[in-house]
Amino acid sequence: MELTTCPECQAPAEIVGREVWSSTDGPVEHARVRCVRRHFFCLPTERLRLASARQDRAGAPMVDGDREVA
């Protein structure tokens, strides 16, 4: 189980799948994210990392990729 935060409400969320989509700039990894408040997103994993960095600066515990950030 991979955890992150919801990009909309910052509630705990689970990454339920990953896929790589082609683009004109090359392949882009996307993640399917579902939060505890029932929001559902499919977004580039880079956006998850940016959301995690913002939360980390705010002092909230985060999980970014395969590592937990306290």
PDB file of N, CA and C in Angstrom:
ATOM      1  N   MET A   1       0.847  -1.169   0.000  1.00  0.00           N
ATOM      2  CA  MET A   1       0.000   0.000   0.000  1.00  0.00           C
ATOM      3  C   MET A   1       0.897   1.238   0.000  1.00  0.00           C
ATOM      4  N   GLU A   2       0.628   2.150  -0.938  1.00  0.00           N
ATOM      5  CA  GLU A   2       1.353   3.412  -1.006  1.00  0.00           C
ATOM      6  C   GLU A   2       0.410   4.524  -0.577  1.00  0.00           C
ATOM      7  N   LEU A   3       0.861   5.367   0.337  1.00  0.00           N
ATOM      8  CA  LEU A   3       0.034   6.455   0.836  1.00  0.00           C
ATOM      9  C   LEU A   3       0.599   7.801   0.424  1.00  0.00           C
ATOM     10  N   THR A   4      -0.283   8.753   0.284  1.00  0.00           N
ATOM     11  CA  THR A   4       0.070  10.132  -0.028  1.00  0.00           C
ATOM     12  C   THR A   4      -1.048  11.004   0.533  1.00  0.00           C
ATOM     13  N   THR A   5      -1.182  12.225   0.047  1.00  0.00           N
ATOM     14  CA  THR A   5      -2.309  13.070   0.421  1.00  0.00           C
ATOM     15  C   THR A   5      -3.137  13.384  -0.800  1.00  0.00           C
ATOM     16  N   CYS A   6      -4.401  13.676  -0.577  1.00  0.00           N
ATOM     17  CA  CYS A   6      -5.305  14.054  -1.661  1.00  0.00           C
ATOM     18  C   CYS A   6      -4.870  15.412  -2.217  1.00  0.00           C
ATOM     19  N   PRO A   7      -4.749  15.539  -3.532  1.00  0.00           N
ATOM     20  CA  PRO A   7      -4.364  16.829  -4.104  1.00  0.00           C
ATOM     21  C   PRO A   7      -5.431  17.901  -3.927  1.00  0.00           C
ATOM     22  N   GLU A   8      -6.663  17.508  -3.619  1.00  0.00           N
ATOM     23  CA  GLU A   8      -7.740  18.480  -3.460  1.00  0.00           C
ATOM     24  C   GLU A   8      -7.937  18.914  -2.012  1.00  0.00           C
ATOM     25  N   CYS A   9      -7.982  17.946  -1.079  1.00  0.00           N
ATOM     26  CA  CYS A   9      -8.336  18.297   0.304  1.00  0.00           C
ATOM     27  C   CYS A   9      -7.239  17.981   1.315  1.00  0.00           C
ATOM     28  N   GLN A  10      -6.125  17.429   0.884  1.00  0.00           N
ATOM     29  CA  GLN A  10      -4.986  17.071   1.732  1.00  0.00           C
ATOM     30  C   GLN A  10      -5.284  15.972   2.752  1.00  0.00           C
ATOM     31  N   ALA A  11      -6.410  15.278   2.615  1.00  0.00           N
ATOM     32  CA  ALA A  11      -6.726  14.137   3.482  1.00  0.00           C
ATOM     33  C   ALA A  11      -5.844  12.951   3.082  1.00  0.00           C
ATOM     34  N   PRO A  12      -5.691  11.949   3.947  1.00  0.00           N
ATOM     35  CA  PRO A  12      -4.932  10.761   3.573  1.00  0.00           C
ATOM     36  C   PRO A  12      -5.524  10.105   2.325  1.00  0.00           C
ATOM     37  N   ALA A  13      -4.634   9.607   1.470  1.00  0.00           N
ATOM     38  CA  ALA A  13      -5.064   8.983   0.220  1.00  0.00           C
ATOM     39  C   ALA A  13      -4.159   7.809  -0.100  1.00  0.00           C
ATOM     40  N   GLU A  14      -4.693   6.875  -0.868  1.00  0.00           N
ATOM     41  CA  GLU A  14      -3.945   5.698  -1.290  1.00  0.00           C
ATOM     42  C   GLU A  14      -3.699   5.761  -2.788  1.00  0.00           C
ATOM     43  N   ILE A  15      -2.490   5.406  -3.189  1.00  0.00           N
ATOM     44  CA  ILE A  15      -2.186   5.250  -4.607  1.00  0.00           C
ATOM     45  C   ILE A  15      -2.639   3.841  -4.976  1.00  0.00           C
ATOM     46  N   VAL A  16      -3.680   3.742  -5.795  1.00  0.00           N
ATOM     47  CA  VAL A  16      -4.285   2.451  -6.106  1.00  0.00           C
ATOM     48  C   VAL A  16      -3.783   1.859  -7.414  1.00  0.00           C
ATOM     49  N   GLY A  17      -2.993   2.604  -8.163  1.00  0.00           N
ATOM     50  CA  GLY A  17      -2.434   2.083  -9.403  1.00  0.00           C
ATOM     51  C   GLY A  17      -1.472   3.064 -10.031  1.00  0.00           C
ATOM     52  N   ARG A  18      -0.611   2.539 -10.870  1.00  0.00           N
ATOM     53  CA  ARG A  18       0.348   3.370 -11.608  1.00  0.00           C
ATOM     54  C   ARG A  18       0.378   2.893 -13.053  1.00  0.00           C
ATOM     55  N   GLU A  19       0.570   3.818 -13.979  1.00  0.00           N
ATOM     56  CA  GLU A  19       0.725   3.486 -15.388  1.00  0.00           C
ATOM     57  C   GLU A  19       1.597   4.538 -16.041  1.00  0.00           C
ATOM     58  N   VAL A  20       2.179   4.179 -17.167  1.00  0.00           N
ATOM     59  CA  VAL A  20       3.005   5.114 -17.934  1.00  0.00           C
ATOM     60  C   VAL A  20       2.265   5.446 -19.215  1.00  0.00           C
ATOM     61  N   TRP A  21       2.064   6.740 -19.437  1.00  0.00           N
ATOM     62  CA  TRP A  21       1.384   7.218 -20.646  1.00  0.00           C
ATOM     63  C   TRP A  21       2.425   7.877 -21.548  1.00  0.00           C
ATOM     64  N   SER A  22       2.268   7.689 -22.852  1.00  0.00           N
ATOM     65  CA  SER A  22       3.172   8.347 -23.786  1.00  0.00           C
ATOM     66  C   SER A  22       2.744   9.804 -23.965  1.00  0.00           C
ATOM     67  N   SER A  23       3.716  10.622 -24.299  1.00  0.00           N
ATOM     68  CA  SER A  23       3.440  12.037 -24.581  1.00  0.00           C
ATOM     69  C   SER A  23       4.451  12.519 -25.612  1.00  0.00           C
ATOM     70  N   THR A  24       4.282  13.719 -26.096  1.00  0.00           N
ATOM     71  CA  THR A  24       5.219  14.255 -27.081  1.00  0.00           C
ATOM     72  C   THR A  24       6.592  14.505 -26.471  1.00  0.00           C
ATOM     73  N   ASP A  25       6.675  14.637 -25.140  1.00  0.00           N
ATOM     74  CA  ASP A  25       7.955  14.832 -24.454  1.00  0.00           C
ATOM     75  C   ASP A  25       8.525  13.536 -23.902  1.00  0.00           C
ATOM     76  N   GLY A  26       7.901  12.399 -24.218  1.00  0.00           N
ATOM     77  CA  GLY A  26       8.359  11.111 -23.714  1.00  0.00           C
ATOM     78  C   GLY A  26       7.377  10.546 -22.708  1.00  0.00           C
ATOM     79  N   PRO A  27       7.657   9.355 -22.180  1.00  0.00           N
ATOM     80  CA  PRO A  27       6.731   8.705 -21.262  1.00  0.00           C
ATOM     81  C   PRO A  27       6.577   9.476 -19.950  1.00  0.00           C
ATOM     82  N   VAL A  28       5.350   9.470 -19.421  1.00  0.00           N
ATOM     83  CA  VAL A  28       5.043  10.150 -18.158  1.00  0.00           C
ATOM     84  C   VAL A  28       4.314   9.159 -17.251  1.00  0.00           C
ATOM     85  N   GLU A  29       4.857   8.945 -16.047  1.00  0.00           N
ATOM     86  CA  GLU A  29       4.203   8.042 -15.100  1.00  0.00           C
ATOM     87  C   GLU A  29       3.026   8.754 -14.432  1.00  0.00           C
ATOM     88  N   HIS A  30       1.893   8.066 -14.378  1.00  0.00           N
ATOM     89  CA  HIS A  30       0.680   8.582 -13.734  1.00  0.00           C
ATOM     90  C   HIS A  30       0.276   7.656 -12.594  1.00  0.00           C
ATOM     91  N   ALA A  31      -0.397   8.227 -11.608  1.00  0.00           N
ATOM     92  CA  ALA A  31      -0.890   7.437 -10.477  1.00  0.00           C
ATOM     93  C   ALA A  31      -2.385   7.664 -10.326  1.00  0.00           C
ATOM     94  N   ARG A  32      -3.095   6.591  -9.984  1.00  0.00           N
ATOM     95  CA  ARG A  32      -4.513   6.695  -9.630  1.00  0.00           C
ATOM     96  C   ARG A  32      -4.574   6.805  -8.117  1.00  0.00           C
ATOM     97  N   VAL A  33      -5.205   7.875  -7.633  1.00  0.00           N
ATOM     98  CA  VAL A  33      -5.231   8.195  -6.206  1.00  0.00           C
ATOM     99  C   VAL A  33      -6.672   8.275  -5.739  1.00  0.00           C
ATOM    100  N   ARG A  34      -6.945   7.648  -4.587  1.00  0.00           N
ATOM    101  CA  ARG A  34      -8.284   7.703  -3.988  1.00  0.00           C
ATOM    102  C   ARG A  34      -8.109   8.113  -2.530  1.00  0.00           C
ATOM    103  N   CYS A  35      -8.817   9.165  -2.124  1.00  0.00           N
ATOM    104  CA  CYS A  35      -8.679   9.642  -0.747  1.00  0.00           C
ATOM    105  C   CYS A  35      -9.817   9.127   0.123  1.00  0.00           C
ATOM    106  N   VAL A  36      -9.656   9.307   1.441  1.00  0.00           N
ATOM    107  CA  VAL A  36     -10.661   8.820   2.393  1.00  0.00           C
ATOM    108  C   VAL A  36     -11.979   9.578   2.267  1.00  0.00           C
ATOM    109  N   ARG A  37     -11.961  10.745   1.638  1.00  0.00           N
ATOM    110  CA  ARG A  37     -13.186  11.522   1.421  1.00  0.00           C
ATOM    111  C   ARG A  37     -13.801  11.239   0.052  1.00  0.00           C
ATOM    112  N   ARG A  38     -13.354  10.142  -0.577  1.00  0.00           N
ATOM    113  CA  ARG A  38     -13.886   9.636  -1.844  1.00  0.00           C
ATOM    114  C   ARG A  38     -13.559  10.483  -3.076  1.00  0.00           C
ATOM    115  N   HIS A  39     -12.539  11.305  -3.017  1.00  0.00           N
ATOM    116  CA  HIS A  39     -12.049  11.967  -4.231  1.00  0.00           C
ATOM    117  C   HIS A  39     -11.213  10.950  -4.984  1.00  0.00           C
ATOM    118  N   PHE A  40     -11.231  11.020  -6.300  1.00  0.00           N
ATOM    119  CA  PHE A  40     -10.481  10.076  -7.125  1.00  0.00           C
ATOM    120  C   PHE A  40      -9.794  10.861  -8.237  1.00  0.00           C
ATOM    121  N   PHE A  41      -8.488  10.632  -8.413  1.00  0.00           N
ATOM    122  CA  PHE A  41      -7.712  11.362  -9.408  1.00  0.00           C
ATOM    123  C   PHE A  41      -6.797  10.420 -10.158  1.00  0.00           C
ATOM    124  N   CYS A  42      -6.470  10.783 -11.376  1.00  0.00           N
ATOM    125  CA  CYS A  42      -5.397  10.167 -12.138  1.00  0.00           C
ATOM    126  C   CYS A  42      -4.508  11.325 -12.573  1.00  0.00           C
ATOM    127  N   LEU A  43      -3.302  11.386 -12.021  1.00  0.00           N
ATOM    128  CA  LEU A  43      -2.448  12.526 -12.286  1.00  0.00           C
ATOM    129  C   LEU A  43      -0.991  12.092 -12.376  1.00  0.00           C
ATOM    130  N   PRO A  44      -0.159  12.920 -13.013  1.00  0.00           N
ATOM    131  CA  PRO A  44       1.263  12.593 -13.101  1.00  0.00           C
ATOM    132  C   PRO A  44       1.859  12.456 -11.694  1.00  0.00           C
ATOM    133  N   THR A  45       2.734  11.472 -11.511  1.00  0.00           N
ATOM    134  CA  THR A  45       3.330  11.272 -10.191  1.00  0.00           C
ATOM    135  C   THR A  45       4.154  12.476  -9.758  1.00  0.00           C
ATOM    136  N   GLU A  46       4.644  13.248 -10.679  1.00  0.00           N
ATOM    137  CA  GLU A  46       5.390  14.457 -10.322  1.00  0.00           C
ATOM    138  C   GLU A  46       4.507  15.423  -9.517  1.00  0.00           C
ATOM    139  N   ARG A  47       3.241  15.485  -9.823  1.00  0.00           N
ATOM    140  CA  ARG A  47       2.331  16.345  -9.050  1.00  0.00           C
ATOM    141  C   ARG A  47       2.167  15.829  -7.630  1.00  0.00           C
ATOM    142  N   LEU A  48       2.240  14.515  -7.430  1.00  0.00           N
ATOM    143  CA  LEU A  48       2.178  13.964  -6.073  1.00  0.00           C
ATOM    144  C   LEU A  48       3.405  14.367  -5.278  1.00  0.00           C
ATOM    145  N   ARG A  49       4.554  14.318  -5.896  1.00  0.00           N
ATOM    146  CA  ARG A  49       5.783  14.710  -5.194  1.00  0.00           C
ATOM    147  C   ARG A  49       5.737  16.177  -4.790  1.00  0.00           C
ATOM    148  N   LEU A  50       5.228  17.042  -5.680  1.00  0.00           N
ATOM    149  CA  LEU A  50       5.134  18.455  -5.344  1.00  0.00           C
ATOM    150  C   LEU A  50       4.156  18.677  -4.197  1.00  0.00           C
ATOM    151  N   ALA A  51       3.021  17.989  -4.211  1.00  0.00           N
ATOM    152  CA  ALA A  51       2.060  18.104  -3.120  1.00  0.00           C
ATOM    153  C   ALA A  51       2.689  17.617  -1.826  1.00  0.00           C
ATOM    154  N   SER A  52       3.489  16.548  -1.877  1.00  0.00           N
ATOM    155  CA  SER A  52       4.145  16.019  -0.692  1.00  0.00           C
ATOM    156  C   SER A  52       5.146  17.015  -0.136  1.00  0.00           C
ATOM    157  N   ALA A  53       5.896  17.676  -1.009  1.00  0.00           N
ATOM    158  CA  ALA A  53       6.881  18.654  -0.548  1.00  0.00           C
ATOM    159  C   ALA A  53       6.203  19.825   0.145  1.00  0.00           C
ATOM    160  N   ARG A  54       5.060  20.284  -0.372  1.00  0.00           N
ATOM    161  CA  ARG A  54       4.335  21.379   0.276  1.00  0.00           C
ATOM    162  C   ARG A  54       3.854  20.956   1.654  1.00  0.00           C
ATOM    163  N   GLN A  55       3.315  19.755   1.782  1.00  0.00           N
ATOM    164  CA  GLN A  55       2.837  19.268   3.071  1.00  0.00           C
ATOM    165  C   GLN A  55       3.993  19.091   4.037  1.00  0.00           C
ATOM    166  N   ASP A  56       5.131  18.601   3.553  1.00  0.00           N
ATOM    167  CA  ASP A  56       6.284  18.384   4.416  1.00  0.00           C
ATOM    168  C   ASP A  56       6.750  19.711   5.009  1.00  0.00           C
ATOM    169  N   ARG A  57       6.757  20.757   4.214  1.00  0.00           N
ATOM    170  CA  ARG A  57       7.154  22.073   4.726  1.00  0.00           C
ATOM    171  C   ARG A  57       6.170  22.570   5.776  1.00  0.00           C
ATOM    172  N   ALA A  58       4.901  22.154   5.672  1.00  0.00           N
ATOM    173  CA  ALA A  58       3.889  22.581   6.634  1.00  0.00           C
ATOM    174  C   ALA A  58       3.992  21.799   7.937  1.00  0.00           C
ATOM    175  N   GLY A  59       4.838  20.762   7.975  1.00  0.00           N
ATOM    176  CA  GLY A  59       5.048  20.012   9.195  1.00  0.00           C
ATOM    177  C   GLY A  59       4.178  18.788   9.365  1.00  0.00           C
ATOM    178  N   ALA A  60       3.372  18.442   8.376  1.00  0.00           N
ATOM    179  CA  ALA A  60       2.511  17.263   8.474  1.00  0.00           C
ATOM    180  C   ALA A  60       3.285  16.026   8.044  1.00  0.00           C
ATOM    181  N   PRO A  61       3.072  14.884   8.699  1.00  0.00           N
ATOM    182  CA  PRO A  61       3.740  13.661   8.245  1.00  0.00           C
ATOM    183  C   PRO A  61       3.248  13.271   6.859  1.00  0.00           C
ATOM    184  N   MET A  62       4.155  12.806   6.020  1.00  0.00           N
ATOM    185  CA  MET A  62       3.822  12.480   4.634  1.00  0.00           C
ATOM    186  C   MET A  62       4.479  11.180   4.235  1.00  0.00           C
ATOM    187  N   VAL A  63       3.928  10.567   3.226  1.00  0.00           N
ATOM    188  CA  VAL A  63       4.578   9.446   2.551  1.00  0.00           C
ATOM    189  C   VAL A  63       4.781   9.870   1.115  1.00  0.00           C
ATOM    190  N   ASP A  64       6.023   9.825   0.651  1.00  0.00           N
ATOM    191  CA  ASP A  64       6.353  10.257  -0.698  1.00  0.00           C
ATOM    192  C   ASP A  64       7.007   9.100  -1.423  1.00  0.00           C
ATOM    193  N   GLY A  65       6.308   8.524  -2.382  1.00  0.00           N
ATOM    194  CA  GLY A  65       6.858   7.391  -3.102  1.00  0.00           C
ATOM    195  C   GLY A  65       6.982   6.190  -2.188  1.00  0.00           C
ATOM    196  N   ASP A  66       8.181   5.661  -2.050  1.00  0.00           N
ATOM    197  CA  ASP A  66       8.393   4.462  -1.229  1.00  0.00           C
ATOM    198  C   ASP A  66       8.925   4.786   0.166  1.00  0.00           C
ATOM    199  N   ARG A  67       9.065   6.057   0.508  1.00  0.00           N
ATOM    200  CA  ARG A  67       9.644   6.378   1.811  1.00  0.00           C
ATOM    201  C   ARG A  67       8.695   7.261   2.611  1.00  0.00           C
ATOM    202  N   GLU A  68       8.729   7.115   3.915  1.00  0.00           N
ATOM    203  CA  GLU A  68       7.905   7.948   4.771  1.00  0.00           C
ATOM    204  C   GLU A  68       8.700   9.170   5.161  1.00  0.00           C
ATOM    205  N   VAL A  69       8.061  10.324   5.102  1.00  0.00           N
ATOM    206  CA  VAL A  69       8.699  11.571   5.451  1.00  0.00           C
ATOM    207  C   VAL A  69       8.035  12.056   6.722  1.00  0.00           C
ATOM    208  N   ALA A  70       8.823  12.300   7.768  1.00  0.00           N
ATOM    209  CA  ALA A  70       8.237  12.745   9.040  1.00  0.00           C
ATOM    210  C   ALA A  70       8.350  14.231   9.217  1.00  0.00           C
TER     211      ALA A  70
END
